[in-house]
């Protein structure tokens, strides 16, 4: 078990717009989705003594497919974000497309979707080790409302 500092963040920014096209997850994307997601979270997994290649089964992904949104450019997977009730989760960007604003675009897509659904409180959880994600969220209207230490592994 590894102790991990986890921040709970709440959105306090204003109304956002989103102009990106996304599709819901389907099994045809499983291999690419798995590879890119594992690559994106590899350093975090290693730092927390978890298997960096551990991933959801196709059946598990299928169960949550209506909550998983994927962005493509010319048939190449750019990134993805999950939305569960009022929680933004598993936002990741293909390493090839990182530091080009796509994380912010996916974040704004999720915020906009929740705002359009009438959600009052938008929340996410992020490991303190994931410094780039923490910075992205803090720079785009999120504030840390709680910090806990969790045991991962």
Foldseek 3Di string as FASTA:
>chain_A
DAKFKKFKKKFPDDAFDADADWDFDDLVCVVVQLVQLLVQCVVVCVVQVHDSNDDDDNVVCVVQRVQKIFGDDPPHTAWIWGDDLQEIDSTDGRPVCPPPCVSVNRVNVRRNVCVVVVNDIHMYMDTVVVVVVVVSQVVRGMDGPDMDIDRDD
